[in-house]
N, C-alpha and C. Protein backbone atom coordinates (compact mmCIF):
# COMPACT_ATOMS: atom_id res chain seq x y z
N MET A 1 -78.89 38.16 45.74
CA MET A 1 -78.26 38.55 46.15
C MET A 1 -80.42 39.79 47.18
N GLU A 2 -80.20 39.46 45.49
CA GLU A 2 -81.66 40.76 45.02
C GLU A 2 -82.76 40.59 45.58
N ALA A 3 -83.03 39.09 45.73
CA ALA A 3 -84.42 38.53 46.60
C ALA A 3 -84.11 38.22 47.98
N ILE A 4 -82.66 38.22 48.32
CA ILE A 4 -82.46 38.32 49.62
C ILE A 4 -82.96 40.17 49.93
N TYR A 5 -82.81 40.89 49.52
CA TYR A 5 -83.25 42.19 49.88
C TYR A 5 -84.02 42.71 49.78
N SER A 6 -84.65 41.89 48.32
CA SER A 6 -86.50 41.78 48.93
C SER A 6 -86.58 41.29 49.80
N ALA A 7 -86.39 40.78 50.29
CA ALA A 7 -87.00 39.30 51.15
C ALA A 7 -86.91 40.37 52.72
N VAL A 8 -86.09 40.61 53.18
CA VAL A 8 -85.27 41.82 53.91
C VAL A 8 -86.97 42.67 54.38
N ILE A 9 -86.75 43.69 52.87
CA ILE A 9 -87.14 44.85 52.82
C ILE A 9 -89.07 44.18 53.07
N VAL A 10 -88.87 43.30 53.07
CA VAL A 10 -90.98 43.02 52.77
C VAL A 10 -91.50 43.06 54.01
N ALA A 11 -89.64 41.85 54.94
CA ALA A 11 -90.06 41.75 56.41
C ALA A 11 -90.42 42.57 56.80
N VAL A 12 -89.35 43.26 57.09
CA VAL A 12 -89.69 44.87 57.63
C VAL A 12 -90.30 45.44 58.10
N GLY A 13 -90.70 45.94 56.53
CA GLY A 13 -92.35 46.34 56.23
C GLY A 13 -93.27 45.60 57.10
N SER A 14 -93.53 44.35 56.31
CA SER A 14 -94.94 43.51 56.87
C SER A 14 -94.50 44.06 58.99
N ILE A 15 -93.53 43.90 59.34
CA ILE A 15 -93.08 44.06 60.63
C ILE A 15 -93.57 45.48 61.01
N ILE A 16 -93.49 46.44 60.40
CA ILE A 16 -93.66 47.69 60.21
C ILE A 16 -95.33 47.87 60.58
N VAL A 17 -95.96 47.34 59.41
CA VAL A 17 -97.22 47.46 59.31
C VAL A 17 -98.00 46.39 60.30
N GLN A 18 -97.46 45.32 60.90
CA GLN A 18 -97.40 44.50 62.37
C GLN A 18 -97.89 45.31 63.15
N LEU A 19 -96.56 46.09 64.07
CA LEU A 19 -96.31 47.33 64.89
C LEU A 19 -97.37 48.66 64.73
N LEU A 20 -97.67 49.29 63.32
CA LEU A 20 -98.62 50.22 63.60
C LEU A 20 -100.08 49.85 63.90
N ILE A 21 -100.24 48.56 63.11
CA ILE A 21 -102.35 47.49 63.03
C ILE A 21 -101.54 47.54 65.40
N ASN A 22 -100.49 47.19 65.66
CA ASN A 22 -101.36 46.30 67.50
C ASN A 22 -101.45 47.78 67.66
N ARG A 23 -100.31 48.43 67.65
CA ARG A 23 -100.77 49.90 68.16
C ARG A 23 -102.14 50.68 67.55
N SER A 24 -102.70 50.53 66.61
CA SER A 24 -104.53 51.17 66.27
C SER A 24 -105.33 50.58 67.42
N ASN A 25 -104.82 49.34 67.68
CA ASN A 25 -105.79 48.20 67.97
C ASN A 25 -106.24 49.17 69.85
N ARG A 26 -104.02 49.08 70.00
CA ARG A 26 -104.48 49.56 71.83
C ARG A 26 -104.92 50.65 71.92
N GLN A 27 -104.84 51.42 70.89
CA GLN A 27 -105.54 52.37 71.24
C GLN A 27 -107.20 53.31 71.50
N LYS A 28 -107.52 51.91 69.80
CA LYS A 28 -109.36 51.63 70.26
C LYS A 28 -109.70 51.01 71.19
N GLU A 29 -109.49 50.01 71.79
CA GLU A 29 -109.08 49.34 73.35
C GLU A 29 -109.44 49.65 74.41
N HIS A 30 -108.16 51.14 74.67
CA HIS A 30 -108.32 51.93 75.54
C HIS A 30 -109.31 53.16 75.43
N GLU A 31 -109.61 53.44 74.13
CA GLU A 31 -111.10 53.98 73.76
C GLU A 31 -112.23 54.17 74.39
N GLU A 32 -112.69 52.57 74.05
CA GLU A 32 -113.62 51.53 74.83
C GLU A 32 -113.41 51.32 75.98
N GLN A 33 -111.93 51.11 76.88
CA GLN A 33 -112.43 50.56 78.17
C GLN A 33 -113.14 52.60 78.68
N ALA A 34 -112.30 53.42 77.92
CA ALA A 34 -112.07 54.78 79.06
C ALA A 34 -114.44 54.87 78.87
N VAL A 35 -114.90 54.65 78.08
CA VAL A 35 -116.40 54.96 77.38
C VAL A 35 -116.66 53.90 78.51
N TYR A 36 -116.55 53.15 78.50
CA TYR A 36 -116.83 51.31 79.58
C TYR A 36 -116.52 52.39 80.86
N ARG A 37 -115.83 52.66 81.88
CA ARG A 37 -115.14 52.78 82.53
C ARG A 37 -116.76 54.32 83.27
N ALA A 38 -116.82 55.22 81.84
CA ALA A 38 -117.56 56.76 82.46
C ALA A 38 -118.90 55.58 82.13
N LYS A 39 -119.88 55.00 81.36
CA LYS A 39 -121.28 54.49 81.94
C LYS A 39 -120.51 54.01 83.06
N LEU A 40 -119.75 53.03 83.48
CA LEU A 40 -120.20 52.63 84.70
C LEU A 40 -120.72 53.14 85.26
N GLU A 41 -119.15 54.58 85.89
CA GLU A 41 -119.29 55.16 86.94
C GLU A 41 -120.46 55.76 87.11
N ALA A 42 -121.17 56.77 85.68
CA ALA A 42 -122.55 57.06 85.71
C ALA A 42 -123.00 55.96 85.95
N GLU A 43 -123.57 54.70 86.12
CA GLU A 43 -124.35 54.15 86.97
C GLU A 43 -124.29 54.05 88.29
N LEU A 44 -123.10 53.62 88.52
CA LEU A 44 -123.06 53.64 89.65
C LEU A 44 -123.13 54.90 90.53
N LYS A 45 -123.08 56.50 90.61
CA LYS A 45 -123.38 57.29 90.59
C LYS A 45 -124.80 57.53 91.00
N ALA A 46 -125.99 56.45 89.64
CA ALA A 46 -127.46 56.86 89.71
C ALA A 46 -127.52 55.54 90.79
N ILE A 47 -126.74 54.82 91.43
CA ILE A 47 -127.17 53.98 91.69
C ILE A 47 -127.41 54.69 93.37
N GLY A 48 -125.81 54.98 93.51
CA GLY A 48 -126.43 55.67 94.81
C GLY A 48 -127.24 57.00 95.13
N ARG A 49 -127.15 57.81 94.39
CA ARG A 49 -128.63 58.31 94.57
C ARG A 49 -129.80 57.87 95.25
N LYS A 50 -129.88 56.59 94.23
CA LYS A 50 -131.47 55.47 94.53
C LYS A 50 -130.87 55.59 96.09
N LEU A 51 -130.45 54.97 96.19
CA LEU A 51 -129.67 53.99 97.59
C LEU A 51 -129.41 55.40 98.72
N ASP A 52 -128.81 56.03 98.26
CA ASP A 52 -129.68 57.73 99.33
C ASP A 52 -130.96 57.91 99.54
N GLU A 53 -131.86 58.15 98.51
CA GLU A 53 -133.13 58.27 98.13
C GLU A 53 -134.07 56.90 99.06
N HIS A 54 -133.44 55.42 99.26
CA HIS A 54 -134.10 54.98 99.76
C HIS A 54 -133.96 55.44 101.74
N ASN A 55 -132.62 55.11 101.74
CA ASN A 55 -132.12 55.70 102.77
C ASN A 55 -133.69 57.43 103.98
N GLN A 56 -133.44 57.37 103.39
CA GLN A 56 -134.40 58.74 103.45
C GLN A 56 -135.39 58.32 103.58
N TYR A 57 -135.71 57.79 103.04
CA TYR A 57 -137.57 57.05 102.79
C TYR A 57 -137.47 55.67 104.49
N ALA A 58 -136.70 54.95 104.42
CA ALA A 58 -136.31 54.24 106.03
C ALA A 58 -136.37 55.05 107.12
N GLU A 59 -135.73 56.66 106.63
CA GLU A 59 -135.47 57.11 107.81
C GLU A 59 -136.93 58.08 108.79
N LYS A 60 -137.53 58.48 107.37
CA LYS A 60 -138.59 58.98 107.57
C LYS A 60 -140.00 58.01 107.93
N LEU A 61 -139.51 56.67 108.03
CA LEU A 61 -140.35 55.14 107.93
C LEU A 61 -140.08 55.02 109.49
N GLY A 62 -138.80 55.14 110.30
CA GLY A 62 -138.37 54.98 111.62
C GLY A 62 -139.26 56.10 112.37
N SER A 63 -139.09 57.44 111.83
CA SER A 63 -140.28 58.24 112.66
C SER A 63 -141.16 58.34 112.73
N LEU A 64 -141.62 57.84 111.62
CA LEU A 64 -143.68 57.09 111.93
C LEU A 64 -143.73 56.65 112.39
N LYS A 65 -143.28 55.21 113.14
CA LYS A 65 -143.17 54.57 113.08
C LYS A 65 -143.33 54.60 114.91
N ASP A 66 -141.65 55.35 115.48
CA ASP A 66 -142.20 56.36 116.55
C ASP A 66 -143.48 56.69 117.11
N SER A 67 -143.96 57.18 116.12
CA SER A 67 -145.46 58.63 116.15
C SER A 67 -146.72 57.61 115.94
N MET A 68 -146.36 56.79 115.40
CA MET A 68 -147.25 56.06 115.35
C MET A 68 -147.68 55.14 116.74
N LEU A 69 -146.14 54.66 117.76
CA LEU A 69 -146.26 54.63 118.90
C LEU A 69 -146.97 55.29 119.53
N LEU A 70 -147.06 56.28 119.89
CA LEU A 70 -146.86 57.66 121.12
C LEU A 70 -148.65 57.98 120.80
N ILE A 71 -149.39 57.83 119.05
CA ILE A 71 -150.63 58.17 118.96
C ILE A 71 -151.21 56.81 119.36
N GLN A 72 -151.06 55.56 119.69
CA GLN A 72 -151.21 54.11 119.55
C GLN A 72 -151.77 55.00 121.27
N GLN A 73 -150.30 54.98 121.85
CA GLN A 73 -150.87 54.62 123.18
C GLN A 73 -150.99 56.35 123.82
N ASP A 74 -151.52 57.47 123.24
CA ASP A 74 -152.47 58.55 123.53
C ASP A 74 -153.99 57.82 123.31
N VAL A 75 -154.16 57.00 122.48
CA VAL A 75 -155.86 57.49 122.54
C VAL A 75 -156.10 55.52 123.53
N LYS A 76 -155.08 55.43 123.32
CA LYS A 76 -155.12 53.98 124.51
C LYS A 76 -155.56 54.85 125.96
N TYR A 77 -154.91 55.89 126.30
CA TYR A 77 -155.54 56.51 127.42
C TYR A 77 -156.19 57.25 127.24
N ILE A 78 -156.85 57.68 125.96
CA ILE A 78 -158.11 58.21 125.88
C ILE A 78 -159.33 57.53 126.28
N LYS A 79 -159.01 56.16 125.58
CA LYS A 79 -160.50 55.28 125.69
C LYS A 79 -159.79 54.89 127.86
N GLU A 80 -159.54 54.63 127.98
CA GLU A 80 -158.90 54.67 129.77
C GLU A 80 -159.59 55.48 130.85
N GLY A 81 -159.69 56.69 129.69
CA GLY A 81 -160.05 57.46 130.96
C GLY A 81 -159.06 58.21 131.16
N LYS A 82 -158.02 57.70 131.44
CA LYS A 82 -156.68 58.84 131.81
C LYS A 82 -156.01 60.13 131.32
N LEU A 83 -156.92 60.37 130.37
CA LEU A 83 -156.10 61.90 129.78
C LEU A 83 -157.54 63.00 129.87
């Protein structure tokens, strides 16, 4: 009878230890995912800033292109003696 009690106590102890280990592993995994998400969000923000900067340059280049066209027309008119 004592062997049965001992076996039950060992089994219950093993189950409790296993549950504690699983809980600890889940907490570590949750923390690792939080760190990964934070890093990913930081990288996405950096990419967003770079994209905004790129778009500003694209807008500036578009307006420069328009200005160049006007300058080319002015030069053409000057060469033709129309101005």
